[in-house]
Every structure is written in C-alpha cells, then in structure tokens.
C-alpha cells in the first residue's frame, strides 16, 4: 500500500495518529465522560443482549423492531468512537439517524400496519424528550446546508489566524456532541423500557431503572459542570 498508494497511506497514517491524540485530549479535558461511557454502553448493550436468541417474529412488527434495535446499538458505539476521535460531523450525521430510528420505533408500537410507514421519513414529533429540538440543526449538518456547522471539523490557530485542520483535532464542540449522543440513550430507554416490560415477563425492569437512573444522574452532573466551565 505504501508504494502503490503513497498519498493515501500518508493520509491514513496521519489520521490514525490524530485519532489517538484527539481521544487522549478529549478524555483529559472531560474526565467526567468515563462513567457516562460505561453506563450508557452498558444500558444499550444490555437491551440488545437481553433479546439475543429470542424469536421476535411473534411480536407485532417484531422483525422490523429487532433490526432497528440492532442498528441503534451498532450506531451508538460507532458514533461514540467518532466523537472521541474528533470526527464530529460524521458523529452528528449518525446522531440524526438515531433520532429518526427512535421515532420509527415509537410509530411501530402505535400502528398495526407497518406498510403505511414504508418509505416515509419517521415523524420526529413522536420523540418524547427534548432531543427532538436539535433535529433541525443536525439535519443541517447532514445536508451540508449551513457552513457554520463546518466548525465541527476543527480549527487550528496559525500566527493568530484560524484555519481548518486537515486532520481531526480536539475542540470544544466534542462534549456537546457527546452529550447529545447520551441524550439518545435516554430517549431509547423511554421506548425500550415499556416495550420490553410489556413483551417479556423475565425482563428485569428494576435493574434497568437503576442503571438508567445512575446514568441520568451522571449525565446531569457532567452537563452542569460543562456549563459552569464555559460560563
């Protein structure tokens, strides 16, 4: 690869180093995210693993819902990695995708005819938390329709002038993007908890409530701390 595609190799090596540097900077600047990452990951993974090996075809829209839960879980972990690596635009696009996916989950439990939803954009109004208020700016990021959001690429200072970095760098928007990803975990709980409780007698509702309660307390404390830090 180095001899045949030297520019690609050079870029990828530089990007990989930047990812590691940015991850370190993110955690150093926000040590409070450690417990949030662990608790959020544990809740999302616990829902998926609870369903592992179960036949959901007997549930209303069960196969569709199963695929969406798997997709939500995979995307959660990918987006989290991207945020740590400084790839905030890519993470933002996935956060928007998570919001739409969750809206579709709400739609599916309300309708008996999923065919009416096919090829229609999920109704964000179905979301029950305030995360729906950030859907519009996240759509602007996904559509590249507003240059202000390109600040998420990261800026560097050279001789007192601001330039866009060719490679990922840590910037202050990282925590806000991370915070919004964590909000999707709360939103997922509001859908998943009643769905799993109603569908399965062996679902441990108490354990899930304790886990998400601990997660929510850490998220609130981290959010307030970040606001105080930024004045």
C-alpha atoms as a PDB file:
ATOM      1  CA  UNK A   1       0.000   0.000   0.000  1.00  0.00           C
ATOM      2  CA  UNK A   2       2.806   2.407   0.841  1.00  0.00           C
ATOM      3  CA  UNK A   3       4.455   2.091  -2.586  1.00  0.00           C
ATOM      4  CA  UNK A   4       1.323   1.845  -4.705  1.00  0.00           C
ATOM      5  CA  UNK A   5      -0.838   4.455  -2.978  1.00  0.00           C
ATOM      6  CA  UNK A   6       1.629   6.717  -1.143  1.00  0.00           C
ATOM      7  CA  UNK A   7      -0.703   9.677  -0.605  1.00  0.00           C
ATOM      8  CA  UNK A   8      -3.488   7.538   0.770  1.00  0.00           C
ATOM      9  CA  UNK A   9      -1.031   5.778   3.083  1.00  0.00           C
ATOM     10  CA  UNK A  10       0.381   9.086   4.278  1.00  0.00           C
ATOM     11  CA  UNK A  11      -3.069  10.480   4.975  1.00  0.00           C
ATOM     12  CA  UNK A  12      -4.289   7.373   6.820  1.00  0.00           C
ATOM     13  CA  UNK A  13      -1.183   7.215   8.996  1.00  0.00           C
ATOM     14  CA  UNK A  14      -1.586  10.880   9.862  1.00  0.00           C
ATOM     15  CA  UNK A  15      -5.289  10.407  10.576  1.00  0.00           C
ATOM     16  CA  UNK A  16      -4.669   7.425  12.855  1.00  0.00           C
ATOM     17  CA  UNK A  17      -2.167   9.415  14.896  1.00  0.00           C
ATOM     18  CA  UNK A  18      -4.628  12.307  15.066  1.00  0.00           C
ATOM     19  CA  UNK A  19      -7.400   9.991  16.268  1.00  0.00           C
ATOM     20  CA  UNK A  20      -5.277   8.738  19.161  1.00  0.00           C
ATOM     21  CA  UNK A  21      -4.180  12.260  20.077  1.00  0.00           C
ATOM     22  CA  UNK A  22      -7.729  13.588  19.937  1.00  0.00           C
ATOM     23  CA  UNK A  23      -9.094  10.741  22.062  1.00  0.00           C
ATOM     24  CA  UNK A  24      -6.482  11.485  24.703  1.00  0.00           C
ATOM     25  CA  UNK A  25      -7.242  15.209  24.638  1.00  0.00           C
ATOM     26  CA  UNK A  26     -10.991  14.588  24.882  1.00  0.00           C
ATOM     27  CA  UNK A  27     -10.660  12.387  27.960  1.00  0.00           C
ATOM     28  CA  UNK A  28      -8.147  14.720  29.587  1.00  0.00           C
ATOM     29  CA  UNK A  29     -10.428  17.711  29.102  1.00  0.00           C
ATOM     30  CA  UNK A  30     -13.557  15.810  30.160  1.00  0.00           C
ATOM     31  CA  UNK A  31     -12.711  13.082  32.672  1.00  0.00           C
ATOM     32  CA  UNK A  32     -16.366  13.014  33.673  1.00  0.00           C
ATOM     33  CA  UNK A  33     -17.292  11.232  30.439  1.00  0.00           C
ATOM     34  CA  UNK A  34     -15.695   7.983  31.600  1.00  0.00           C
ATOM     35  CA  UNK A  35     -18.591   6.844  33.836  1.00  0.00           C
ATOM     36  CA  UNK A  36     -21.086   8.058  31.230  1.00  0.00           C
ATOM     37  CA  UNK A  37     -19.480   5.974  28.511  1.00  0.00           C
ATOM     38  CA  UNK A  38     -19.555   2.909  30.736  1.00  0.00           C
ATOM     39  CA  UNK A  39     -23.127   3.345  31.972  1.00  0.00           C
ATOM     40  CA  UNK A  40     -24.543   4.307  28.581  1.00  0.00           C
ATOM     41  CA  UNK A  41     -22.803   1.444  26.828  1.00  0.00           C
ATOM     42  CA  UNK A  42     -23.964  -0.986  29.492  1.00  0.00           C
ATOM     43  CA  UNK A  43     -27.603   0.009  29.124  1.00  0.00           C
ATOM     44  CA  UNK A  44     -27.634  -0.086  25.324  1.00  0.00           C
ATOM     45  CA  UNK A  45     -25.780  -3.393  25.190  1.00  0.00           C
ATOM     46  CA  UNK A  46     -27.956  -4.929  27.927  1.00  0.00           C
ATOM     47  CA  UNK A  47     -31.109  -4.339  25.869  1.00  0.00           C
ATOM     48  CA  UNK A  48     -29.638  -5.992  22.803  1.00  0.00           C
ATOM     49  CA  UNK A  49     -28.166  -8.939  24.690  1.00  0.00           C
ATOM     50  CA  UNK A  50     -31.454  -9.487  26.514  1.00  0.00           C
ATOM     51  CA  UNK A  51     -33.031 -10.111  23.112  1.00  0.00           C
ATOM     52  CA  UNK A  52     -30.208 -12.339  21.886  1.00  0.00           C
ATOM     53  CA  UNK A  53     -31.553 -15.750  20.906  1.00  0.00           C
ATOM     54  CA  UNK A  54     -35.203 -14.736  21.235  1.00  0.00           C
ATOM     55  CA  UNK A  55     -37.607 -15.148  18.352  1.00  0.00           C
ATOM     56  CA  UNK A  56     -39.337 -11.780  17.945  1.00  0.00           C
ATOM     57  CA  UNK A  57     -41.407 -12.803  14.934  1.00  0.00           C
ATOM     58  CA  UNK A  58     -44.458 -13.380  17.144  1.00  0.00           C
ATOM     59  CA  UNK A  59     -44.447  -9.735  18.260  1.00  0.00           C
ATOM     60  CA  UNK A  60     -46.181  -7.033  16.260  1.00  0.00           C
ATOM     61  CA  UNK A  61     -43.635  -5.784  13.703  1.00  0.00           C
ATOM     62  CA  UNK A  62     -41.132  -7.867  15.651  1.00  0.00           C
ATOM     63  CA  UNK A  63     -38.571  -8.412  12.899  1.00  0.00           C
ATOM     64  CA  UNK A  64     -38.576  -4.743  11.897  1.00  0.00           C
ATOM     65  CA  UNK A  65     -38.178  -3.704  15.534  1.00  0.00           C
ATOM     66  CA  UNK A  66     -35.406  -6.239  16.082  1.00  0.00           C
ATOM     67  CA  UNK A  67     -33.429  -4.867  13.138  1.00  0.00           C
ATOM     68  CA  UNK A  68     -33.852  -1.320  14.412  1.00  0.00           C
ATOM     69  CA  UNK A  69     -32.593  -2.244  17.879  1.00  0.00           C
ATOM     70  CA  UNK A  70     -29.534  -3.911  16.386  1.00  0.00           C
ATOM     71  CA  UNK A  71     -28.925  -0.891  14.184  1.00  0.00           C
ATOM     72  CA  UNK A  72     -29.318   1.504  17.111  1.00  0.00           C
ATOM     73  CA  UNK A  73     -26.794  -0.452  19.152  1.00  0.00           C
ATOM     74  CA  UNK A  74     -24.182  -0.640  16.403  1.00  0.00           C
ATOM     75  CA  UNK A  75     -24.545   3.046  15.603  1.00  0.00           C
ATOM     76  CA  UNK A  76     -24.291   4.072  19.253  1.00  0.00           C
ATOM     77  CA  UNK A  77     -20.851   2.549  19.624  1.00  0.00           C
ATOM     78  CA  UNK A  78     -19.636   3.815  16.249  1.00  0.00           C
ATOM     79  CA  UNK A  79     -20.790   7.383  16.945  1.00  0.00           C
ATOM     80  CA  UNK A  80     -19.162   7.316  20.357  1.00  0.00           C
ATOM     81  CA  UNK A  81     -15.841   6.294  18.811  1.00  0.00           C
ATOM     82  CA  UNK A  82     -16.136   9.046  16.200  1.00  0.00           C
ATOM     83  CA  UNK A  83     -16.699  11.714  18.840  1.00  0.00           C
ATOM     84  CA  UNK A  84     -13.617  10.669  20.748  1.00  0.00           C
ATOM     85  CA  UNK A  85     -11.619  10.687  17.528  1.00  0.00           C
ATOM     86  CA  UNK A  86     -12.737  14.217  16.664  1.00  0.00           C
ATOM     87  CA  UNK A  87     -14.880  13.175  13.694  1.00  0.00           C
ATOM     88  CA  UNK A  88     -17.789  15.295  14.876  1.00  0.00           C
ATOM     89  CA  UNK A  89     -19.573  15.834  11.562  1.00  0.00           C
ATOM     90  CA  UNK A  90     -19.727  12.110  10.936  1.00  0.00           C
ATOM     91  CA  UNK A  91     -20.930  11.553  14.514  1.00  0.00           C
ATOM     92  CA  UNK A  92     -23.589  14.245  14.090  1.00  0.00           C
ATOM     93  CA  UNK A  93     -24.975  12.519  11.000  1.00  0.00           C
ATOM     94  CA  UNK A  94     -25.291   9.299  12.981  1.00  0.00           C
ATOM     95  CA  UNK A  95     -26.967  11.059  15.906  1.00  0.00           C
ATOM     96  CA  UNK A  96     -29.573  12.376  13.477  1.00  0.00           C
ATOM     97  CA  UNK A  97     -30.023   8.833  12.175  1.00  0.00           C
ATOM     98  CA  UNK A  98     -30.562   7.627  15.749  1.00  0.00           C
ATOM     99  CA  UNK A  99     -33.309  10.185  16.289  1.00  0.00           C
ATOM    100  CA  UNK A 100     -35.131   9.069  13.150  1.00  0.00           C
ATOM    101  CA  UNK A 101     -34.721   5.412  14.086  1.00  0.00           C
ATOM    102  CA  UNK A 102     -36.192   6.034  17.525  1.00  0.00           C
ATOM    103  CA  UNK A 103     -39.124   7.930  16.048  1.00  0.00           C
ATOM    104  CA  UNK A 104     -39.836   4.928  13.839  1.00  0.00           C
ATOM    105  CA  UNK A 105     -39.802   2.629  16.872  1.00  0.00           C
ATOM    106  CA  UNK A 106     -42.492   4.766  18.511  1.00  0.00           C
ATOM    107  CA  UNK A 107     -44.510   4.683  15.283  1.00  0.00           C
ATOM    108  CA  UNK A 108     -44.299   0.902  15.065  1.00  0.00           C
ATOM    109  CA  UNK A 109     -45.735   0.259  18.523  1.00  0.00           C
ATOM    110  CA  UNK A 110     -48.659   2.549  17.718  1.00  0.00           C
ATOM    111  CA  UNK A 111     -49.721   1.112  14.359  1.00  0.00           C
ATOM    112  CA  UNK A 112     -50.976  -2.262  13.197  1.00  0.00           C
ATOM    113  CA  UNK A 113     -49.958  -1.621   9.591  1.00  0.00           C
ATOM    114  CA  UNK A 114     -46.245  -1.009   9.185  1.00  0.00           C
ATOM    115  CA  UNK A 115     -46.651  -0.898   5.397  1.00  0.00           C
ATOM    116  CA  UNK A 116     -48.055   2.624   5.769  1.00  0.00           C
ATOM    117  CA  UNK A 117     -44.697   3.730   7.191  1.00  0.00           C
ATOM    118  CA  UNK A 118     -42.540   2.282   4.454  1.00  0.00           C
ATOM    119  CA  UNK A 119     -40.514   4.878   2.506  1.00  0.00           C
ATOM    120  CA  UNK A 120     -41.774   7.651   4.764  1.00  0.00           C
ATOM    121  CA  UNK A 121     -39.428   9.680   6.932  1.00  0.00           C
ATOM    122  CA  UNK A 122     -40.164   8.937  10.600  1.00  0.00           C
ATOM    123  CA  UNK A 123     -42.101  11.641  12.432  1.00  0.00           C
ATOM    124  CA  UNK A 124     -39.666  13.276  14.861  1.00  0.00           C
ATOM    125  CA  UNK A 125     -42.662  14.559  16.803  1.00  0.00           C
ATOM    126  CA  UNK A 126     -43.006  11.025  18.181  1.00  0.00           C
ATOM    127  CA  UNK A 127     -39.905  11.518  20.340  1.00  0.00           C
ATOM    128  CA  UNK A 128     -40.805  12.119  23.976  1.00  0.00           C
ATOM    129  CA  UNK A 129     -37.717  14.003  25.180  1.00  0.00           C
ATOM    130  CA  UNK A 130     -36.395  17.425  24.255  1.00  0.00           C
ATOM    131  CA  UNK A 131     -33.852  15.868  21.909  1.00  0.00           C
ATOM    132  CA  UNK A 132     -36.336  16.456  19.106  1.00  0.00           C
ATOM    133  CA  UNK A 133     -35.472  20.170  19.336  1.00  0.00           C
ATOM    134  CA  UNK A 134     -31.972  19.569  17.989  1.00  0.00           C
ATOM    135  CA  UNK A 135     -33.113  17.525  14.995  1.00  0.00           C
ATOM    136  CA  UNK A 136     -33.199  20.561  12.700  1.00  0.00           C
ATOM    137  CA  UNK A 137     -29.565  21.671  13.226  1.00  0.00           C
ATOM    138  CA  UNK A 138     -28.411  18.083  12.968  1.00  0.00           C
ATOM    139  CA  UNK A 139     -30.225  17.841   9.643  1.00  0.00           C
ATOM    140  CA  UNK A 140     -28.334  20.932   8.512  1.00  0.00           C
ATOM    141  CA  UNK A 141     -25.102  19.130   9.332  1.00  0.00           C
ATOM    142  CA  UNK A 142     -26.184  16.042   7.397  1.00  0.00           C
ATOM    143  CA  UNK A 143     -27.213  18.123   4.375  1.00  0.00           C
ATOM    144  CA  UNK A 144     -24.129  20.396   4.468  1.00  0.00           C
ATOM    145  CA  UNK A 145     -26.593  23.252   4.126  1.00  0.00           C
ATOM    146  CA  UNK A 146     -25.082  25.671   6.655  1.00  0.00           C
ATOM    147  CA  UNK A 147     -21.342  26.431   6.660  1.00  0.00           C
ATOM    148  CA  UNK A 148     -21.383  27.374  10.335  1.00  0.00           C
ATOM    149  CA  UNK A 149     -21.574  23.683  11.225  1.00  0.00           C
ATOM    150  CA  UNK A 150     -18.304  23.034   9.428  1.00  0.00           C
ATOM    151  CA  UNK A 151     -16.627  24.339  12.559  1.00  0.00           C
ATOM    152  CA  UNK A 152     -17.102  20.783  13.750  1.00  0.00           C
ATOM    153  CA  UNK A 153     -14.174  19.860  11.504  1.00  0.00           C
ATOM    154  CA  UNK A 154     -11.894  21.604  13.998  1.00  0.00           C
ATOM    155  CA  UNK A 155      -9.943  24.848  13.734  1.00  0.00           C
ATOM    156  CA  UNK A 156      -6.262  25.463  14.378  1.00  0.00           C
ATOM    157  CA  UNK A 157      -4.526  28.745  15.092  1.00  0.00           C
ATOM    158  CA  UNK A 158      -1.576  29.684  12.877  1.00  0.00           C
ATOM    159  CA  UNK A 159       0.066  33.049  13.512  1.00  0.00           C
ATOM    160  CA  UNK A 160      -3.132  34.375  15.035  1.00  0.00           C
ATOM    161  CA  UNK A 161      -5.325  33.210  12.159  1.00  0.00           C
ATOM    162  CA  UNK A 162      -7.885  30.414  12.175  1.00  0.00           C
ATOM    163  CA  UNK A 163      -7.659  27.596   9.667  1.00  0.00           C
ATOM    164  CA  UNK A 164      -9.492  24.320   9.215  1.00  0.00           C
ATOM    165  CA  UNK A 165      -7.342  21.376  10.216  1.00  0.00           C
ATOM    166  CA  UNK A 166      -6.732  18.702   7.592  1.00  0.00           C
ATOM    167  CA  UNK A 167      -6.851  16.073  10.326  1.00  0.00           C
ATOM    168  CA  UNK A 168      -9.099  15.661  13.382  1.00  0.00           C
ATOM    169  CA  UNK A 169      -8.291  17.832  16.380  1.00  0.00           C
ATOM    170  CA  UNK A 170      -9.960  18.202  19.758  1.00  0.00           C
ATOM    171  CA  UNK A 171     -12.367  21.126  20.003  1.00  0.00           C
ATOM    172  CA  UNK A 172     -14.931  22.377  22.477  1.00  0.00           C
ATOM    173  CA  UNK A 173     -17.836  21.021  20.434  1.00  0.00           C
ATOM    174  CA  UNK A 174     -16.819  17.471  21.283  1.00  0.00           C
ATOM    175  CA  UNK A 175     -18.535  17.430  24.668  1.00  0.00           C
ATOM    176  CA  UNK A 176     -21.773  18.896  23.318  1.00  0.00           C
ATOM    177  CA  UNK A 177     -21.867  16.270  20.572  1.00  0.00           C
ATOM    178  CA  UNK A 178     -21.131  13.573  23.144  1.00  0.00           C
ATOM    179  CA  UNK A 179     -23.882  14.967  25.375  1.00  0.00           C
ATOM    180  CA  UNK A 180     -26.380  14.761  22.530  1.00  0.00           C
ATOM    181  CA  UNK A 181     -25.419  11.156  21.844  1.00  0.00           C
ATOM    182  CA  UNK A 182     -26.058  10.409  25.517  1.00  0.00           C
ATOM    183  CA  UNK A 183     -29.476  12.048  25.178  1.00  0.00           C
ATOM    184  CA  UNK A 184     -30.327   9.413  22.556  1.00  0.00           C
ATOM    185  CA  UNK A 185     -29.693   6.763  25.223  1.00  0.00           C
ATOM    186  CA  UNK A 186     -32.290   8.404  27.480  1.00  0.00           C
ATOM    187  CA  UNK A 187     -34.717   8.572  24.576  1.00  0.00           C
ATOM    188  CA  UNK A 188     -34.084   4.907  23.789  1.00  0.00           C
ATOM    189  CA  UNK A 189     -34.873   3.980  27.388  1.00  0.00           C
ATOM    190  CA  UNK A 190     -38.263   5.695  27.205  1.00  0.00           C
ATOM    191  CA  UNK A 191     -39.143   3.480  24.259  1.00  0.00           C
ATOM    192  CA  UNK A 192     -37.344   0.257  25.157  1.00  0.00           C
ATOM    193  CA  UNK A 193     -38.345   0.029  28.819  1.00  0.00           C
ATOM    194  CA  UNK A 194     -42.122  -0.216  28.309  1.00  0.00           C
ATOM    195  CA  UNK A 195     -41.684  -2.306  25.154  1.00  0.00           C
ATOM    196  CA  UNK A 196     -39.526  -4.912  26.866  1.00  0.00           C
ATOM    197  CA  UNK A 197     -41.655  -4.844  30.046  1.00  0.00           C
ATOM    198  CA  UNK A 198     -44.834  -5.488  28.068  1.00  0.00           C
ATOM    199  CA  UNK A 199     -43.290  -8.111  25.796  1.00  0.00           C
ATOM    200  CA  UNK A 200     -41.282 -10.275  28.195  1.00  0.00           C
ATOM    201  CA  UNK A 201     -42.107 -11.479  31.708  1.00  0.00           C
ATOM    202  CA  UNK A 202     -38.444 -12.095  32.541  1.00  0.00           C
ATOM    203  CA  UNK A 203     -37.308  -8.558  31.730  1.00  0.00           C
ATOM    204  CA  UNK A 204     -35.671  -7.084  34.832  1.00  0.00           C
ATOM    205  CA  UNK A 205     -37.358  -3.679  34.894  1.00  0.00           C
ATOM    206  CA  UNK A 206     -35.879  -2.749  38.261  1.00  0.00           C
ATOM    207  CA  UNK A 207     -32.300  -3.326  37.129  1.00  0.00           C
ATOM    208  CA  UNK A 208     -32.884  -1.255  34.012  1.00  0.00           C
ATOM    209  CA  UNK A 209     -34.392   1.590  36.035  1.00  0.00           C
ATOM    210  CA  UNK A 210     -31.458   1.618  38.436  1.00  0.00           C
ATOM    211  CA  UNK A 211     -28.926   1.581  35.622  1.00  0.00           C
ATOM    212  CA  UNK A 212     -30.553   4.382  33.643  1.00  0.00           C
ATOM    213  CA  UNK A 213     -31.127   6.367  36.851  1.00  0.00           C
ATOM    214  CA  UNK A 214     -27.422   6.227  37.657  1.00  0.00           C
ATOM    215  CA  UNK A 215     -26.648   7.159  34.067  1.00  0.00           C
ATOM    216  CA  UNK A 216     -29.032  10.130  34.137  1.00  0.00           C
ATOM    217  CA  UNK A 217     -27.511  11.465  37.367  1.00  0.00           C
ATOM    218  CA  UNK A 218     -24.001  11.336  35.901  1.00  0.00           C
ATOM    219  CA  UNK A 219     -25.227  12.970  32.691  1.00  0.00           C
ATOM    220  CA  UNK A 220     -26.877  15.818  34.593  1.00  0.00           C
ATOM    221  CA  UNK A 221     -23.784  16.414  36.709  1.00  0.00           C
ATOM    222  CA  UNK A 222     -21.485  16.358  33.668  1.00  0.00           C
ATOM    223  CA  UNK A 223     -23.756  18.708  31.724  1.00  0.00           C
ATOM    224  CA  UNK A 224     -23.950  21.186  34.586  1.00  0.00           C
ATOM    225  CA  UNK A 225     -20.206  21.009  35.101  1.00  0.00           C
ATOM    226  CA  UNK A 226     -19.559  21.741  31.464  1.00  0.00           C
ATOM    227  CA  UNK A 227     -21.931  24.729  31.545  1.00  0.00           C
ATOM    228  CA  UNK A 228     -20.151  26.145  34.606  1.00  0.00           C
ATOM    229  CA  UNK A 229     -16.777  25.668  32.946  1.00  0.00           C
ATOM    230  CA  UNK A 230     -17.892  27.537  29.828  1.00  0.00           C
ATOM    231  CA  UNK A 231     -19.527  30.287  31.844  1.00  0.00           C
END
